[in-house]
């Protein structure tokens, strides 16, 4: 998925459209962003389930995935990412 900043930009545009009286365009854009975020979560969850199914039989793969997620989380925390983003990383292993 595109960056969080790009999605935020689309939401800002939706707010501008709403303020300018373009309610339909605003709603269309906001719904598109919402659908993209939901789809990204679904894909991350599916990937996690697939990985979990294969890792149950491979402890080395499980340790490698845990290290990957911890590294990603630590880097995001050091970069000052939001609690929402840190929570997403913890839950799904996906940064964006």
C-alpha atoms as a PDB file:
ATOM      1  CA  UNK A   1       0.000   0.000   0.000  1.00  0.00           C
ATOM      2  CA  UNK A   2       1.084   3.564  -0.430  1.00  0.00           C
ATOM      3  CA  UNK A   3       2.592   5.428   2.446  1.00  0.00           C
ATOM      4  CA  UNK A   4       0.623   6.566   5.428  1.00  0.00           C
ATOM      5  CA  UNK A   5       1.465  10.138   4.425  1.00  0.00           C
ATOM      6  CA  UNK A   6      -0.208   9.628   1.041  1.00  0.00           C
ATOM      7  CA  UNK A   7      -3.349   8.282   2.679  1.00  0.00           C
ATOM      8  CA  UNK A   8      -3.326  11.195   5.116  1.00  0.00           C
ATOM      9  CA  UNK A   9      -3.085  13.524   2.120  1.00  0.00           C
ATOM     10  CA  UNK A  10      -6.176  11.941   0.583  1.00  0.00           C
ATOM     11  CA  UNK A  11      -8.058  12.361   3.859  1.00  0.00           C
ATOM     12  CA  UNK A  12      -6.973  16.001   4.056  1.00  0.00           C
ATOM     13  CA  UNK A  13      -8.296  16.465   0.514  1.00  0.00           C
ATOM     14  CA  UNK A  14     -11.579  14.853   1.545  1.00  0.00           C
ATOM     15  CA  UNK A  15     -11.884  17.332   4.423  1.00  0.00           C
ATOM     16  CA  UNK A  16     -11.136  20.219   2.069  1.00  0.00           C
ATOM     17  CA  UNK A  17     -13.760  18.961  -0.368  1.00  0.00           C
ATOM     18  CA  UNK A  18     -16.286  18.707   2.436  1.00  0.00           C
ATOM     19  CA  UNK A  19     -15.529  22.255   3.581  1.00  0.00           C
ATOM     20  CA  UNK A  20     -15.927  23.437  -0.028  1.00  0.00           C
ATOM     21  CA  UNK A  21     -19.389  21.895  -0.239  1.00  0.00           C
ATOM     22  CA  UNK A  22     -18.342  18.888  -2.315  1.00  0.00           C
ATOM     23  CA  UNK A  23     -19.883  16.294  -0.015  1.00  0.00           C
ATOM     24  CA  UNK A  24     -20.146  13.526  -2.613  1.00  0.00           C
ATOM     25  CA  UNK A  25     -16.512  13.842  -3.692  1.00  0.00           C
ATOM     26  CA  UNK A  26     -15.426  14.019  -0.060  1.00  0.00           C
ATOM     27  CA  UNK A  27     -17.346  10.884   0.840  1.00  0.00           C
ATOM     28  CA  UNK A  28     -16.049   9.010  -2.218  1.00  0.00           C
ATOM     29  CA  UNK A  29     -12.443   9.824  -1.357  1.00  0.00           C
ATOM     30  CA  UNK A  30     -12.823   9.006   2.347  1.00  0.00           C
ATOM     31  CA  UNK A  31     -14.489   5.677   1.542  1.00  0.00           C
ATOM     32  CA  UNK A  32     -11.680   4.805  -0.870  1.00  0.00           C
ATOM     33  CA  UNK A  33      -9.046   5.463   1.812  1.00  0.00           C
ATOM     34  CA  UNK A  34     -11.019   3.428   4.333  1.00  0.00           C
ATOM     35  CA  UNK A  35     -11.314   0.519   1.893  1.00  0.00           C
ATOM     36  CA  UNK A  36      -7.574   0.578   1.205  1.00  0.00           C
ATOM     37  CA  UNK A  37      -6.745   0.525   4.913  1.00  0.00           C
ATOM     38  CA  UNK A  38      -9.151  -2.383   5.524  1.00  0.00           C
ATOM     39  CA  UNK A  39      -7.706  -4.297   2.573  1.00  0.00           C
ATOM     40  CA  UNK A  40      -4.160  -3.779   3.854  1.00  0.00           C
ATOM     41  CA  UNK A  41      -5.154  -5.116   7.273  1.00  0.00           C
ATOM     42  CA  UNK A  42      -6.853  -8.120   5.701  1.00  0.00           C
ATOM     43  CA  UNK A  43      -3.805  -8.934   3.597  1.00  0.00           C
ATOM     44  CA  UNK A  44      -1.470  -8.553   6.591  1.00  0.00           C
ATOM     45  CA  UNK A  45      -3.696 -10.829   8.657  1.00  0.00           C
ATOM     46  CA  UNK A  46      -3.812 -13.408   5.863  1.00  0.00           C
ATOM     47  CA  UNK A  47      -0.038 -13.293   5.452  1.00  0.00           C
ATOM     48  CA  UNK A  48       0.362 -13.751   9.192  1.00  0.00           C
ATOM     49  CA  UNK A  49      -1.939 -16.765   9.185  1.00  0.00           C
ATOM     50  CA  UNK A  50      -0.061 -18.307   6.267  1.00  0.00           C
ATOM     51  CA  UNK A  51       3.260 -17.705   7.957  1.00  0.00           C
ATOM     52  CA  UNK A  52       1.990 -19.094  11.255  1.00  0.00           C
ATOM     53  CA  UNK A  53       0.838 -22.265   9.514  1.00  0.00           C
ATOM     54  CA  UNK A  54       4.308 -22.915   8.113  1.00  0.00           C
ATOM     55  CA  UNK A  55       6.204 -21.750  11.201  1.00  0.00           C
ATOM     56  CA  UNK A  56       4.438 -24.191  13.522  1.00  0.00           C
ATOM     57  CA  UNK A  57       6.758 -26.816  12.133  1.00  0.00           C
ATOM     58  CA  UNK A  58       9.899 -24.684  11.926  1.00  0.00           C
ATOM     59  CA  UNK A  59      11.132 -23.077  15.158  1.00  0.00           C
ATOM     60  CA  UNK A  60      13.980 -21.309  13.310  1.00  0.00           C
ATOM     61  CA  UNK A  61      11.468 -19.600  11.007  1.00  0.00           C
ATOM     62  CA  UNK A  62       9.403 -18.566  14.012  1.00  0.00           C
ATOM     63  CA  UNK A  63      12.449 -17.022  15.700  1.00  0.00           C
ATOM     64  CA  UNK A  64      13.401 -15.225  12.473  1.00  0.00           C
ATOM     65  CA  UNK A  65       9.899 -13.758  12.129  1.00  0.00           C
ATOM     66  CA  UNK A  66       9.913 -12.640  15.762  1.00  0.00           C
ATOM     67  CA  UNK A  67      13.285 -10.918  15.266  1.00  0.00           C
ATOM     68  CA  UNK A  68      11.975  -9.233  12.093  1.00  0.00           C
ATOM     69  CA  UNK A  69       8.909  -7.898  13.884  1.00  0.00           C
ATOM     70  CA  UNK A  70      10.865  -6.738  16.933  1.00  0.00           C
ATOM     71  CA  UNK A  71      13.380  -4.941  14.714  1.00  0.00           C
ATOM     72  CA  UNK A  72      10.599  -3.277  12.723  1.00  0.00           C
ATOM     73  CA  UNK A  73       8.838  -2.232  15.925  1.00  0.00           C
ATOM     74  CA  UNK A  74      12.032  -0.866  17.520  1.00  0.00           C
ATOM     75  CA  UNK A  75      12.934   1.113  14.395  1.00  0.00           C
ATOM     76  CA  UNK A  76       9.431   2.576  14.180  1.00  0.00           C
ATOM     77  CA  UNK A  77       9.465   3.506  17.864  1.00  0.00           C
ATOM     78  CA  UNK A  78      12.863   5.216  17.526  1.00  0.00           C
ATOM     79  CA  UNK A  79      11.515   7.118  14.510  1.00  0.00           C
ATOM     80  CA  UNK A  80       8.694   8.482  16.678  1.00  0.00           C
ATOM     81  CA  UNK A  81       5.848   6.660  14.908  1.00  0.00           C
ATOM     82  CA  UNK A  82       2.355   6.941  16.365  1.00  0.00           C
ATOM     83  CA  UNK A  83       0.953   4.463  18.868  1.00  0.00           C
ATOM     84  CA  UNK A  84      -1.550   3.346  16.228  1.00  0.00           C
ATOM     85  CA  UNK A  85       1.252   2.449  13.849  1.00  0.00           C
ATOM     86  CA  UNK A  86       3.205   0.689  16.601  1.00  0.00           C
ATOM     87  CA  UNK A  87       0.090  -1.282  17.459  1.00  0.00           C
ATOM     88  CA  UNK A  88      -0.355  -2.303  13.827  1.00  0.00           C
ATOM     89  CA  UNK A  89       3.237  -3.493  13.679  1.00  0.00           C
ATOM     90  CA  UNK A  90       2.798  -5.486  16.879  1.00  0.00           C
ATOM     91  CA  UNK A  91      -0.456  -7.042  15.672  1.00  0.00           C
ATOM     92  CA  UNK A  92       0.357  -7.761  12.036  1.00  0.00           C
ATOM     93  CA  UNK A  93       4.075  -7.338  11.513  1.00  0.00           C
ATOM     94  CA  UNK A  94       3.340  -4.792   8.780  1.00  0.00           C
ATOM     95  CA  UNK A  95       4.736  -1.270   8.892  1.00  0.00           C
ATOM     96  CA  UNK A  96       2.201   0.209   6.495  1.00  0.00           C
END
